[in-house]
Amino acid sequence: MKTTKRMAPFLQSLGGAAIGLAACVLPAQAADKPQPTRPNVVVILLDDVGFSDISSFGSEVPTPNIDALANGGLSFTQFYNTARCSPSRASLLTGTYPHQAGLGHLEGVDIPGSKGLRSKLLDRVVTLAEVAKSTGYYTAMAGKWHVGIGHGVGPWQRGFDRSLTSAFGSLYYPGQAQPPATRFLYIDGEKVPTRSPSVGKGRWYASDMFVEWQTKFVHEAQAQRKPFFLYMPFTAAHFPLMAPPEDVARFKGRYMRGWEVIRRERFERQKALGIIAADAELPPPLPNTYDWDKLSAADKDSFDTMMAVYAAVMSHVDRSIGTLVRNIEQAGELDNTLILFMCDNGGNAESGPDGRLAGKGAPGSAQSNVWAGMNWATLQNTPFRYFKHFTEEGGIATPFIAYWPRGIAPALRGTKVRDPGHLIDVMPTLVDVTGAAYPAKFGGHEIIPMQGRSMAPAFSGKPLSRDRPLFWEHEGNRAVRDGRWKLVARFRQPWQLFDMNADRAELHDLAAGEADRVVRMARQWDEWAAASDVDPWDEAYDNHLKSRVRMNWGGADTIQRPEAVVK
């Protein structure tokens, strides 16, 4: 296919690593087509992806297309989510904290009498789509919703003109075996089987299928002569991990050296890239970690396969993101499109140190059931401790990239933003760059104010000031980030205090010597929790535990290889 001049900047930024365009590209627009003053906005969200899982943040998995966005934009090295899927999506979509939006936990946790654990987006918040649509944007999404379809709240009811969505995620292939909920999705509110020709032709793969739909949506926005807002929450890399066999084969055998060796290599790359400080410390293995050298040859091969499938998922979603960006470029829209890339929580360790390699088909196939597990999640979160569920950095810190050729100063492209950011900042940023008005009332309901601040000043090199701390709560795990200081505690455990400027890996607890600061920050958390509908957590609310004790990986699986645990 002939490369157009408009495609050249993005393709060149890949350094020759670009992969051919998918079949569904838009016709090039006339060179003199006037571009709207207001930018298009694309929000890309990955699922269960750790801090170091893209190569521009240290990974050995090549992600050239995501890296191209980083090289042409800004990388935020201290960006935060809310530690879990549904809460992060609620916070991202509304600019409020999860409990304020009604989703302090997963969709499915609806506690009578609670205001913050309601399983769905409430009417007291507005979505990015509702705000963008009110100012004349075409709004669309393709991907995972997980904020209330089971309770009567779908994207077609919350501001999206067009939507193709799975209710919960985990969808990679039509007719896959795991889990049953992936056998259907919704097109503009109509429930259809995933095998329906209206979803996609042949045996599609979700990352590619979502891009095909988003490309259609770009075309529709152009036909309506409107700027577009696209929300793209990919399945990747949620369990059960699935990827085409040729992608898995590329990575099989690459992880036979074990998680600790590869983790140290990621750590050194992160220091060389400037993602973390040159004098940063790498935490020792957590309890229940396996010693690679104590595993049998068969076990090593199984663990290598689990991570190969994960790497294949990451590599393929990167390729799909590249296709989306090039399609937008071919449409003549890329120069004035703000692309925001982020993740919903840190690496997922829920299957424990053993991971899962099950199912009837080849690993990564539609009939398989693969989870990477705790040991590989530690690698994914390099250099941080803990995982999804928890409010240590491993649970809440993930990459954020902003790319906008027209809106980011040329001298800043490829640089890093060190100021802390959070999902609650996406709504104020959208309001800022689009000129939209955030409502005090919407649909007859009083609306909770935005909780964050715009990140747009960073696009011109200005610092990002914040007039109040950042707060977290999930399953009784809690945290406060105020400037350089972070107060963090596990469920029913005492507060710990860390200096994020000197100790991002949270290795040196300063609480004993900073008692007054601990008291002050803990009081701030209490006041925030009371004002934000944060209910006291009860482990009985989590039906995944089934009355079992939660372990340090977030789940409650029984360890299968106790003889291999690091002593």
Protein backbone atom coordinates (compact mmCIF):
# COMPACT_ATOMS: atom_id res chain seq x y z
CA MET A 1 0.00 0.00 0.00
CA LYS A 2 1.31 3.43 -0.90
CA THR A 3 2.27 5.59 2.09
CA THR A 4 0.74 9.07 2.09
CA LYS A 5 2.53 12.18 3.29
CA ARG A 6 0.10 12.44 6.18
CA MET A 7 1.13 8.98 7.40
CA ALA A 8 4.83 9.74 7.35
CA PRO A 9 5.28 11.34 10.82
CA PHE A 10 3.77 8.43 12.76
CA LEU A 11 5.43 5.76 10.61
CA GLN A 12 8.79 7.46 10.93
CA SER A 13 8.41 7.61 14.70
CA LEU A 14 8.26 3.81 14.72
CA GLY A 15 11.81 3.65 13.47
CA GLY A 16 10.97 1.13 10.74
CA ALA A 17 9.03 -1.17 13.06
CA ALA A 18 5.61 -0.28 11.63
CA ILE A 19 3.36 -3.13 10.66
CA GLY A 20 1.09 -2.93 7.60
CA LEU A 21 -2.28 -1.28 7.86
CA ALA A 22 -5.38 -3.33 8.49
CA ALA A 23 -7.88 -3.58 5.68
CA CYS A 24 -10.31 -1.09 7.20
CA VAL A 25 -8.58 2.25 6.57
CA LEU A 26 -10.39 5.44 5.73
CA PRO A 27 -9.95 7.23 2.41
CA ALA A 28 -7.45 10.07 2.60
CA GLN A 29 -9.09 13.46 2.94
CA ALA A 30 -8.41 16.43 0.75
CA ALA A 31 -5.24 18.26 1.73
CA ASP A 32 -7.13 21.55 2.08
CA LYS A 33 -9.82 20.10 4.37
CA PRO A 34 -10.20 22.58 7.25
CA GLN A 35 -9.61 21.01 10.64
CA PRO A 36 -11.84 21.96 13.57
CA THR A 37 -10.32 24.12 16.26
CA ARG A 38 -11.52 21.73 18.92
CA PRO A 39 -9.40 18.56 19.03
CA ASN A 40 -10.64 15.04 18.60
CA VAL A 41 -10.06 12.99 21.76
CA VAL A 42 -9.21 9.28 21.95
CA VAL A 43 -8.98 7.56 25.37
CA ILE A 44 -7.20 4.18 25.25
CA LEU A 45 -7.42 1.96 28.33
CA LEU A 46 -5.59 -1.35 28.83
CA ASP A 47 -6.71 -3.93 31.39
CA ASP A 48 -4.55 -5.61 34.09
CA VAL A 49 -1.31 -4.22 32.64
CA GLY A 50 1.61 -3.41 34.92
CA PHE A 51 3.92 -0.41 35.24
CA SER A 52 6.76 -1.93 33.21
CA ASP A 53 4.78 -3.77 30.51
CA ILE A 54 5.44 -1.41 27.60
CA SER A 55 8.94 -1.13 26.23
CA SER A 56 9.21 2.63 26.78
CA PHE A 57 8.68 1.85 30.49
CA GLY A 58 11.20 -1.01 30.57
CA SER A 59 9.60 -4.12 29.07
CA GLU A 60 11.42 -6.64 26.88
CA VAL A 61 8.11 -7.06 24.98
CA PRO A 62 8.34 -4.80 21.91
CA THR A 63 5.54 -2.22 21.84
CA PRO A 64 6.72 0.11 19.04
CA ASN A 65 3.34 1.70 18.38
CA ILE A 66 2.71 2.72 21.98
CA ASP A 67 6.33 3.84 22.17
CA ALA A 68 5.73 6.06 19.12
CA LEU A 69 3.01 7.85 21.06
CA ALA A 70 5.46 8.34 23.94
CA ASN A 71 8.23 9.52 21.63
CA GLY A 72 5.88 12.01 19.99
CA GLY A 73 4.16 13.07 23.20
CA LEU A 74 4.56 13.04 26.97
CA SER A 75 5.09 10.11 29.34
CA PHE A 76 3.75 10.58 32.87
CA THR A 77 5.86 8.51 35.27
CA GLN A 78 3.73 9.05 38.39
CA PHE A 79 0.22 8.43 37.13
CA TYR A 80 -2.35 6.61 39.22
CA ASN A 81 -5.47 4.48 38.83
CA THR A 82 -7.74 3.13 41.58
CA ALA A 83 -6.38 -0.46 41.89
CA ARG A 84 -9.28 -2.30 40.24
CA CYS A 85 -11.25 -2.57 37.02
CA SER A 86 -14.76 -1.20 37.63
CA PRO A 87 -13.64 1.51 40.10
CA SER A 88 -10.99 2.77 37.67
CA ARG A 89 -13.44 2.86 34.76
CA ALA A 90 -15.95 4.75 36.88
CA SER A 91 -13.32 7.25 37.97
CA LEU A 92 -11.96 7.71 34.44
CA LEU A 93 -15.39 8.16 32.88
CA THR A 94 -16.67 10.64 35.47
CA GLY A 95 -13.74 12.58 36.92
CA THR A 96 -14.85 11.56 40.42
CA TYR A 97 -13.60 9.02 42.92
CA PRO A 98 -15.11 5.53 42.45
CA HIS A 99 -17.41 5.55 45.48
CA GLN A 100 -18.82 8.91 44.44
CA ALA A 101 -19.69 7.39 41.06
CA GLY A 102 -21.29 4.36 42.76
CA LEU A 103 -18.59 1.78 42.00
CA GLY A 104 -16.31 1.49 45.00
CA HIS A 105 -15.94 -2.17 44.01
CA LEU A 106 -16.74 -4.32 40.98
CA GLU A 107 -20.05 -4.29 39.20
CA GLY A 108 -21.86 -7.03 41.08
CA VAL A 109 -21.10 -5.72 44.57
CA ASP A 110 -24.35 -3.92 45.46
CA ILE A 111 -24.67 -3.42 49.21
CA PRO A 112 -28.08 -2.43 50.61
CA GLY A 113 -27.94 0.95 52.30
CA SER A 114 -24.60 1.86 50.74
CA LYS A 115 -24.04 4.95 48.62
CA GLY A 116 -20.63 3.98 47.30
CA LEU A 117 -21.06 0.25 46.55
CA ARG A 118 -23.96 0.32 44.07
CA SER A 119 -22.65 -1.72 41.09
CA LYS A 120 -23.38 0.97 38.50
CA LEU A 121 -22.73 4.56 37.49
CA LEU A 122 -25.14 6.73 39.44
CA ASP A 123 -27.11 9.73 38.21
CA ARG A 124 -25.10 12.05 40.43
CA VAL A 125 -22.15 11.89 38.01
CA VAL A 126 -21.74 12.65 34.30
CA THR A 127 -19.53 10.79 31.85
CA LEU A 128 -16.85 12.03 29.47
CA ALA A 129 -19.23 11.17 26.64
CA GLU A 130 -22.11 13.16 28.11
CA VAL A 131 -19.90 16.22 28.57
CA ALA A 132 -18.34 15.92 25.10
CA LYS A 133 -21.71 15.32 23.42
CA SER A 134 -23.19 18.39 25.09
CA THR A 135 -20.65 20.55 23.29
CA GLY A 136 -21.18 19.04 19.84
CA TYR A 137 -18.88 16.02 19.77
CA TYR A 138 -19.67 12.71 18.11
CA THR A 139 -19.17 10.13 20.88
CA ALA A 140 -18.45 6.42 20.51
CA MET A 141 -16.84 3.48 22.28
CA ALA A 142 -15.73 -0.04 21.43
CA GLY A 143 -14.52 -2.37 24.16
CA LYS A 144 -15.22 -3.32 27.76
CA TRP A 145 -17.80 -1.40 29.85
CA HIS A 146 -18.10 -3.09 33.30
CA VAL A 147 -19.80 -0.18 35.03
CA GLY A 148 -23.41 -1.27 35.12
CA ILE A 149 -24.90 -3.07 32.12
CA GLY A 150 -26.13 -5.79 34.48
CA HIS A 151 -27.94 -3.08 36.45
CA GLY A 152 -29.49 -1.21 33.54
CA VAL A 153 -26.71 1.25 32.80
CA GLY A 154 -25.05 0.87 29.40
CA PRO A 155 -22.97 3.27 27.30
CA TRP A 156 -25.95 3.99 25.04
CA GLN A 157 -27.64 5.48 28.11
CA ARG A 158 -24.62 7.51 29.25
CA GLY A 159 -23.82 9.76 26.33
CA PHE A 160 -22.42 7.49 23.63
CA ASP A 161 -23.92 7.95 20.15
CA ARG A 162 -22.51 4.60 19.07
CA SER A 163 -21.16 1.68 21.06
CA LEU A 164 -20.01 -1.88 20.69
CA THR A 165 -19.32 -3.24 24.13
CA SER A 166 -18.87 -6.35 26.21
CA ALA A 167 -20.50 -6.17 29.62
CA PHE A 168 -17.56 -7.42 31.68
CA GLY A 169 -14.51 -7.93 29.48
CA SER A 170 -12.40 -11.09 29.06
CA LEU A 171 -13.53 -11.18 25.42
CA TYR A 172 -10.90 -12.17 22.83
CA TYR A 173 -12.63 -14.48 20.33
CA PRO A 174 -16.17 -15.23 19.16
CA GLY A 175 -17.52 -18.32 20.90
CA GLN A 176 -14.63 -18.68 23.33
CA ALA A 177 -14.96 -21.10 26.24
CA GLN A 178 -13.93 -18.82 29.11
CA PRO A 179 -16.00 -17.27 30.60
CA PRO A 180 -19.61 -17.78 29.38
CA ALA A 181 -20.41 -14.05 29.61
CA THR A 182 -18.09 -13.43 26.65
CA ARG A 183 -20.47 -15.14 24.23
CA PHE A 184 -22.45 -12.00 23.56
CA LEU A 185 -21.99 -8.24 23.44
CA TYR A 186 -24.06 -5.12 22.79
CA ILE A 187 -24.27 -2.99 19.67
CA ASP A 188 -25.96 0.33 20.52
CA GLY A 189 -27.84 -1.45 23.30
CA GLU A 190 -28.91 -4.51 21.31
CA LYS A 191 -27.62 -7.80 22.72
CA VAL A 192 -26.06 -9.92 19.98
CA PRO A 193 -24.04 -13.17 19.94
CA THR A 194 -20.33 -12.69 19.39
CA ARG A 195 -20.57 -15.03 16.39
CA SER A 196 -23.03 -12.70 14.67
CA PRO A 197 -21.78 -11.29 11.31
CA SER A 198 -22.87 -7.89 12.59
CA VAL A 199 -19.94 -8.00 15.05
CA GLY A 200 -17.16 -8.98 12.66
CA LYS A 201 -16.26 -11.26 9.81
CA GLY A 202 -14.70 -14.67 10.32
CA ARG A 203 -12.67 -15.55 13.38
CA TRP A 204 -11.78 -12.08 14.59
CA TYR A 205 -9.48 -11.20 17.48
CA ALA A 206 -10.92 -8.60 19.87
CA SER A 207 -8.07 -6.06 19.76
CA ASP A 208 -8.40 -5.89 15.96
CA MET A 209 -12.20 -6.03 15.96
CA PHE A 210 -12.46 -3.08 18.34
CA VAL A 211 -10.19 -1.04 16.07
CA GLU A 212 -12.33 -1.86 13.05
CA TRP A 213 -15.37 -0.48 14.84
CA GLN A 214 -13.54 2.64 16.04
CA THR A 215 -12.42 3.26 12.47
CA LYS A 216 -16.06 3.11 11.36
CA PHE A 217 -16.91 5.60 14.08
CA VAL A 218 -14.22 8.04 12.88
CA HIS A 219 -15.75 7.82 9.41
CA GLU A 220 -19.22 8.52 10.81
CA ALA A 221 -17.97 11.54 12.74
CA GLN A 222 -16.40 12.92 9.57
CA ALA A 223 -19.63 12.40 7.66
CA GLN A 224 -21.44 14.40 10.35
CA ARG A 225 -18.69 17.05 10.29
CA LYS A 226 -18.17 16.73 14.03
CA PRO A 227 -15.07 16.33 16.16
CA PHE A 228 -15.02 12.91 17.77
CA PHE A 229 -14.58 11.52 21.27
CA LEU A 230 -13.62 7.84 21.20
CA TYR A 231 -13.34 5.63 24.28
CA MET A 232 -11.35 2.47 23.65
CA PRO A 233 -11.16 0.13 26.66
CA PHE A 234 -9.37 -2.97 25.31
CA THR A 235 -9.77 -6.45 26.78
CA ALA A 236 -5.99 -6.86 26.76
CA ALA A 237 -4.47 -8.09 28.98
CA HIS A 238 -7.29 -9.40 31.17
CA PHE A 239 -7.58 -13.10 32.02
CA PRO A 240 -8.14 -15.59 30.51
CA LEU A 241 -5.17 -14.57 28.38
CA MET A 242 -5.69 -15.33 24.69
CA ALA A 243 -3.68 -14.52 21.58
CA PRO A 244 -3.22 -15.91 18.06
CA PRO A 245 -0.84 -18.91 17.98
CA GLU A 246 1.71 -17.15 15.78
CA ASP A 247 1.99 -14.36 18.38
CA VAL A 248 2.43 -16.84 21.23
CA ALA A 249 5.11 -18.72 19.25
CA ARG A 250 7.17 -15.53 18.97
CA PHE A 251 7.62 -15.42 22.75
CA LYS A 252 7.72 -19.10 23.70
CA GLY A 253 11.05 -19.86 25.34
CA ARG A 254 11.97 -16.24 26.05
CA TYR A 255 11.05 -16.52 29.73
CA MET A 256 12.97 -19.68 30.61
CA ARG A 257 15.50 -17.62 32.58
CA GLY A 258 12.88 -16.90 35.23
CA TRP A 259 11.04 -13.91 36.64
CA GLU A 260 13.75 -12.57 38.91
CA VAL A 261 16.46 -12.36 36.23
CA ILE A 262 14.13 -10.65 33.76
CA ARG A 263 12.79 -8.37 36.48
CA ARG A 264 16.29 -7.10 37.20
CA GLU A 265 16.82 -6.48 33.50
CA ARG A 266 13.62 -4.43 33.33
CA PHE A 267 14.74 -2.53 36.41
CA GLU A 268 18.05 -1.57 34.78
CA ARG A 269 16.28 -0.50 31.58
CA GLN A 270 13.91 1.67 33.60
CA LYS A 271 16.85 3.46 35.18
CA ALA A 272 18.52 3.93 31.79
CA LEU A 273 15.27 5.29 30.32
CA GLY A 274 14.76 7.70 33.20
CA ILE A 275 11.49 6.09 34.26
CA ILE A 276 12.82 5.64 37.78
CA ALA A 277 15.72 7.23 39.64
CA ALA A 278 19.24 6.02 38.91
CA ASP A 279 19.70 5.17 42.60
CA ALA A 280 16.35 3.39 42.98
CA GLU A 281 16.17 0.14 44.94
CA LEU A 282 14.54 -3.05 43.72
CA PRO A 283 12.39 -4.69 46.43
CA PRO A 284 13.11 -8.30 47.39
CA PRO A 285 10.58 -10.99 46.45
CA LEU A 286 7.30 -10.94 48.35
CA PRO A 287 6.19 -13.83 50.57
CA ASN A 288 4.83 -16.78 48.58
CA THR A 289 7.09 -16.06 45.60
CA TYR A 290 8.59 -19.14 43.96
CA ASP A 291 12.33 -19.63 43.57
CA TRP A 292 12.80 -20.35 39.86
CA ASP A 293 15.76 -22.63 40.56
CA LYS A 294 13.61 -24.89 42.76
CA LEU A 295 11.12 -25.61 39.99
CA SER A 296 11.15 -28.71 37.81
CA ALA A 297 11.88 -28.48 34.08
CA ALA A 298 8.21 -29.15 33.35
CA ASP A 299 7.12 -26.38 35.73
CA LYS A 300 9.55 -23.93 34.13
CA ASP A 301 8.16 -24.75 30.71
CA SER A 302 4.61 -24.14 31.96
CA PHE A 303 5.48 -20.82 33.53
CA ASP A 304 7.33 -19.77 30.39
CA THR A 305 4.18 -20.55 28.40
CA MET A 306 1.99 -18.42 30.69
CA MET A 307 4.20 -15.39 30.23
CA ALA A 308 4.58 -16.04 26.50
CA VAL A 309 0.81 -15.80 26.13
CA TYR A 310 0.78 -12.58 28.17
CA ALA A 311 3.55 -11.08 26.04
CA ALA A 312 1.66 -12.10 22.90
CA VAL A 313 -1.45 -10.29 24.15
CA MET A 314 0.62 -7.15 24.79
CA SER A 315 2.39 -7.32 21.45
CA HIS A 316 -0.87 -7.73 19.55
CA VAL A 317 -2.73 -4.92 21.31
CA ASP A 318 0.22 -2.66 20.51
CA ARG A 319 -0.14 -3.61 16.86
CA SER A 320 -3.87 -2.83 16.99
CA ILE A 321 -3.23 0.56 18.58
CA GLY A 322 -0.79 1.29 15.76
CA THR A 323 -3.47 0.44 13.21
CA LEU A 324 -5.96 2.78 14.90
CA VAL A 325 -3.47 5.65 14.96
CA ARG A 326 -2.51 5.15 11.33
CA ASN A 327 -6.16 5.00 10.29
CA ILE A 328 -6.80 8.29 12.06
CA GLU A 329 -3.73 9.71 10.31
CA GLN A 330 -4.90 8.47 6.93
CA ALA A 331 -8.23 10.18 7.59
CA GLY A 332 -6.39 13.48 7.96
CA GLU A 333 -7.31 13.82 11.63
CA LEU A 334 -4.18 12.90 13.59
CA ASP A 335 -2.59 16.34 13.89
CA ASN A 336 -5.56 17.58 15.85
CA THR A 337 -6.30 14.43 17.88
CA LEU A 338 -5.40 14.14 21.55
CA ILE A 339 -4.66 10.49 22.35
CA LEU A 340 -4.51 9.47 26.00
CA PHE A 341 -3.12 6.03 26.87
CA MET A 342 -3.52 4.49 30.34
CA CYS A 343 -4.28 1.30 32.35
CA ASP A 344 -6.98 0.40 34.88
CA ASN A 345 -4.77 -1.17 37.59
CA GLY A 346 -1.40 -2.79 38.12
CA GLY A 347 -0.45 -6.33 37.17
CA ASN A 348 -2.90 -9.06 38.12
CA ALA A 349 -1.69 -11.73 40.57
CA GLU A 350 -5.13 -13.11 41.46
CA SER A 351 -4.36 -16.73 40.52
CA GLY A 352 -1.51 -16.76 43.03
CA PRO A 353 2.05 -18.03 42.61
CA ASP A 354 0.93 -20.97 40.46
CA GLY A 355 -0.92 -19.05 37.78
CA ARG A 356 -3.19 -21.10 35.53
CA LEU A 357 -2.48 -23.12 32.41
CA ALA A 358 -5.69 -24.99 31.76
CA GLY A 359 -8.43 -25.53 29.22
CA LYS A 360 -8.82 -27.91 26.29
CA GLY A 361 -7.06 -25.96 23.57
CA ALA A 362 -3.51 -24.78 22.94
CA PRO A 363 -2.41 -22.07 25.41
CA GLY A 364 -3.81 -18.76 24.22
CA SER A 365 -6.54 -20.34 22.13
CA ALA A 366 -10.26 -19.69 22.53
CA GLN A 367 -10.59 -22.95 24.48
CA SER A 368 -7.73 -22.29 26.90
CA ASN A 369 -7.69 -20.76 30.37
CA VAL A 370 -4.39 -18.97 31.04
CA TRP A 371 -3.59 -16.59 33.91
CA ALA A 372 -0.06 -15.25 34.38
CA GLY A 373 -0.09 -15.39 38.19
CA MET A 374 1.76 -13.67 41.00
CA ASN A 375 5.37 -14.33 40.02
CA TRP A 376 4.95 -12.81 36.57
CA ALA A 377 2.78 -10.00 37.99
CA THR A 378 5.77 -9.02 40.11
CA LEU A 379 7.75 -8.73 36.88
CA GLN A 380 4.95 -6.75 35.25
CA ASN A 381 4.94 -4.23 38.11
CA THR A 382 8.72 -3.71 38.23
CA PRO A 383 10.02 -2.03 40.38
CA PHE A 384 7.01 -1.88 42.67
CA ARG A 385 5.50 -4.20 45.28
CA TYR A 386 2.05 -5.75 45.32
CA PHE A 387 -0.62 -5.86 42.66
CA LYS A 388 -4.14 -5.10 41.51
CA HIS A 389 -6.40 -4.81 44.61
CA PHE A 390 -3.77 -3.03 46.71
CA THR A 391 -2.87 0.64 47.16
CA GLU A 392 0.89 0.16 47.20
CA GLU A 393 2.46 1.45 43.97
CA GLY A 394 2.23 -1.97 42.32
CA GLY A 395 -1.55 -1.79 42.47
CA ILE A 396 -2.15 1.83 41.48
CA ALA A 397 0.82 3.14 39.44
CA THR A 398 0.79 2.52 35.67
CA PRO A 399 1.97 4.32 32.51
CA PHE A 400 0.15 7.33 31.09
CA ILE A 401 0.93 8.85 27.70
CA ALA A 402 -0.47 11.99 26.09
CA TYR A 403 0.01 12.44 22.34
CA TRP A 404 -1.26 15.48 20.41
CA PRO A 405 0.82 16.82 17.49
CA ARG A 406 -1.02 20.14 17.36
CA GLY A 407 -1.35 20.61 21.11
CA ILE A 408 1.97 19.51 22.67
CA ALA A 409 4.90 21.86 22.26
CA PRO A 410 7.45 20.34 19.81
CA ALA A 411 10.34 20.83 22.25
CA LEU A 412 8.53 18.70 24.83
CA ARG A 413 7.81 15.68 22.66
CA GLY A 414 9.46 12.55 23.98
CA THR A 415 9.94 14.01 27.46
CA LYS A 416 8.60 12.89 30.83
CA VAL A 417 6.22 14.49 33.30
CA ARG A 418 7.16 13.74 36.91
CA ASP A 419 4.21 15.45 38.62
CA PRO A 420 1.61 13.02 39.98
CA GLY A 421 -1.55 12.49 37.94
CA HIS A 422 -4.70 10.42 38.40
CA LEU A 423 -7.68 9.13 36.44
CA ILE A 424 -9.79 11.87 38.03
CA ASP A 425 -7.69 14.34 35.99
CA VAL A 426 -8.90 13.09 32.60
CA MET A 427 -12.32 14.79 32.83
CA PRO A 428 -10.86 18.23 33.68
CA THR A 429 -8.38 17.79 30.83
CA LEU A 430 -11.17 17.01 28.36
CA VAL A 431 -13.17 20.01 29.60
CA ASP A 432 -10.07 22.19 29.26
CA VAL A 433 -9.04 21.23 25.72
CA THR A 434 -12.55 20.98 24.23
CA GLY A 435 -14.04 24.09 25.79
CA ALA A 436 -16.89 22.04 27.20
CA ALA A 437 -18.85 23.12 30.26
CA TYR A 438 -18.96 20.71 33.18
CA PRO A 439 -22.53 20.80 34.50
CA ALA A 440 -23.76 21.47 38.01
CA LYS A 441 -26.99 19.70 37.05
CA PHE A 442 -27.64 17.09 34.37
CA GLY A 443 -30.82 15.22 33.53
CA GLY A 444 -32.53 16.77 36.52
CA HIS A 445 -29.86 15.59 38.97
CA GLU A 446 -27.31 17.48 41.04
CA ILE A 447 -23.84 16.53 39.79
CA ILE A 448 -20.78 15.93 41.95
CA PRO A 449 -17.99 18.37 41.01
CA MET A 450 -14.88 17.17 39.22
CA GLN A 451 -12.31 15.94 41.74
CA GLY A 452 -9.10 16.38 39.71
CA ARG A 453 -7.31 19.07 37.76
CA SER A 454 -6.44 19.49 34.10
CA MET A 455 -3.22 17.98 32.79
CA ALA A 456 -3.21 20.38 29.83
CA PRO A 457 -0.61 22.74 31.38
CA ALA A 458 1.94 19.93 30.98
CA PHE A 459 1.42 20.14 27.20
CA SER A 460 3.25 23.47 27.27
CA GLY A 461 5.80 22.53 29.93
CA LYS A 462 4.04 24.02 32.94
CA PRO A 463 3.98 22.27 36.32
CA LEU A 464 0.84 20.49 37.46
CA SER A 465 -0.21 21.95 40.78
CA ARG A 466 -2.81 20.30 42.98
CA ASP A 467 -4.65 21.97 45.84
CA ARG A 468 -5.54 18.79 47.72
CA PRO A 469 -4.10 15.30 48.17
CA LEU A 470 -5.01 12.21 46.15
CA PHE A 471 -6.92 9.46 47.96
CA TRP A 472 -7.57 5.74 47.55
CA GLU A 473 -9.69 3.00 49.08
CA HIS A 474 -10.30 -0.48 47.76
CA GLU A 475 -11.26 -3.51 49.89
CA GLY A 476 -10.11 -1.67 52.99
CA ASN A 477 -6.70 -0.91 51.46
CA ARG A 478 -6.18 2.84 51.61
CA ALA A 479 -3.70 5.56 50.74
CA VAL A 480 -3.09 9.31 50.61
CA ARG A 481 -0.59 11.03 48.31
CA ASP A 482 0.25 14.62 49.27
CA GLY A 483 3.18 16.00 47.33
CA ARG A 484 6.21 13.84 48.03
CA TRP A 485 4.53 11.96 50.89
CA LYS A 486 2.43 8.84 50.63
CA LEU A 487 0.54 7.28 53.52
CA VAL A 488 -0.57 3.72 52.79
CA ALA A 489 -2.12 0.84 54.72
CA ARG A 490 -3.41 -2.63 54.00
CA PHE A 491 -6.83 -3.75 55.20
CA ARG A 492 -6.90 -3.60 59.03
CA GLN A 493 -3.17 -2.84 59.14
CA PRO A 494 -1.45 0.30 60.50
CA TRP A 495 -0.45 3.22 58.33
CA GLN A 496 2.99 3.36 56.74
CA LEU A 497 4.64 6.54 55.45
CA PHE A 498 6.98 6.81 52.46
CA ASP A 499 8.89 9.62 50.78
CA MET A 500 8.05 9.17 47.09
CA ASN A 501 10.93 11.39 45.99
CA ALA A 502 13.48 9.10 47.60
CA ASP A 503 11.68 5.76 47.90
CA ARG A 504 9.14 5.13 45.15
CA ALA A 505 9.31 1.37 45.81
CA GLU A 506 8.05 1.89 49.39
CA LEU A 507 10.85 0.08 51.16
CA HIS A 508 11.61 2.45 54.05
CA ASP A 509 8.68 3.18 56.37
CA LEU A 510 9.13 6.60 58.01
CA ALA A 511 5.96 6.53 60.11
CA ALA A 512 7.71 6.11 63.45
CA GLY A 513 9.78 9.27 62.98
CA GLU A 514 6.97 11.34 61.42
CA ALA A 515 4.14 10.71 63.86
CA ASP A 516 2.57 14.17 63.45
CA ARG A 517 2.54 13.86 59.67
CA VAL A 518 0.93 10.43 59.89
CA VAL A 519 -1.82 11.75 62.19
CA ARG A 520 -2.46 14.72 59.92
CA MET A 521 -2.61 12.71 56.70
CA ALA A 522 -4.72 9.97 58.30
CA ARG A 523 -7.19 12.63 59.39
CA GLN A 524 -7.31 13.92 55.81
CA TRP A 525 -8.12 10.41 54.62
CA ASP A 526 -10.89 10.03 57.21
CA GLU A 527 -12.44 13.34 56.16
CA TRP A 528 -12.24 12.41 52.47
CA ALA A 529 -13.75 8.96 53.07
CA ALA A 530 -16.67 10.42 55.02
CA ALA A 531 -17.36 13.01 52.32
CA SER A 532 -16.96 10.54 49.43
CA ASP A 533 -19.29 7.72 50.50
CA VAL A 534 -16.52 5.28 51.34
CA ASP A 535 -18.16 2.53 53.36
CA PRO A 536 -16.20 0.38 55.83
CA TRP A 537 -15.09 -2.71 53.97
CA ASP A 538 -16.22 -6.23 54.86
CA GLU A 539 -14.47 -9.17 53.15
CA ALA A 540 -17.86 -10.89 52.95
CA TYR A 541 -18.76 -8.39 50.21
CA ASP A 542 -16.29 -10.11 47.86
CA ASN A 543 -18.04 -13.24 46.60
CA HIS A 544 -14.86 -14.34 44.81
CA LEU A 545 -13.25 -15.12 48.17
CA LYS A 546 -16.02 -17.56 49.17
CA SER A 547 -15.19 -17.04 52.86
CA ARG A 548 -11.52 -17.88 52.31
CA VAL A 549 -8.66 -15.71 53.56
CA ARG A 550 -7.30 -13.19 51.06
CA MET A 551 -3.61 -13.75 50.40
CA ASN A 552 -0.94 -11.21 49.53
CA TRP A 553 -1.62 -11.67 45.81
CA GLY A 554 -5.25 -10.52 46.16
CA GLY A 555 -6.96 -13.89 45.75
CA ALA A 556 -7.30 -17.01 47.86
CA ASP A 557 -5.97 -19.90 45.76
CA THR A 558 -4.11 -22.69 47.54
CA ILE A 559 -0.37 -22.79 46.85
CA GLN A 560 0.47 -25.92 44.83
CA ARG A 561 4.28 -25.89 45.15
CA PRO A 562 5.10 -24.95 48.78
CA GLU A 563 8.53 -26.56 48.48
CA ALA A 564 9.50 -23.94 45.86
CA VAL A 565 8.64 -20.85 47.94
CA VAL A 566 11.54 -18.42 48.43
CA LYS A 567 12.85 -18.76 51.99
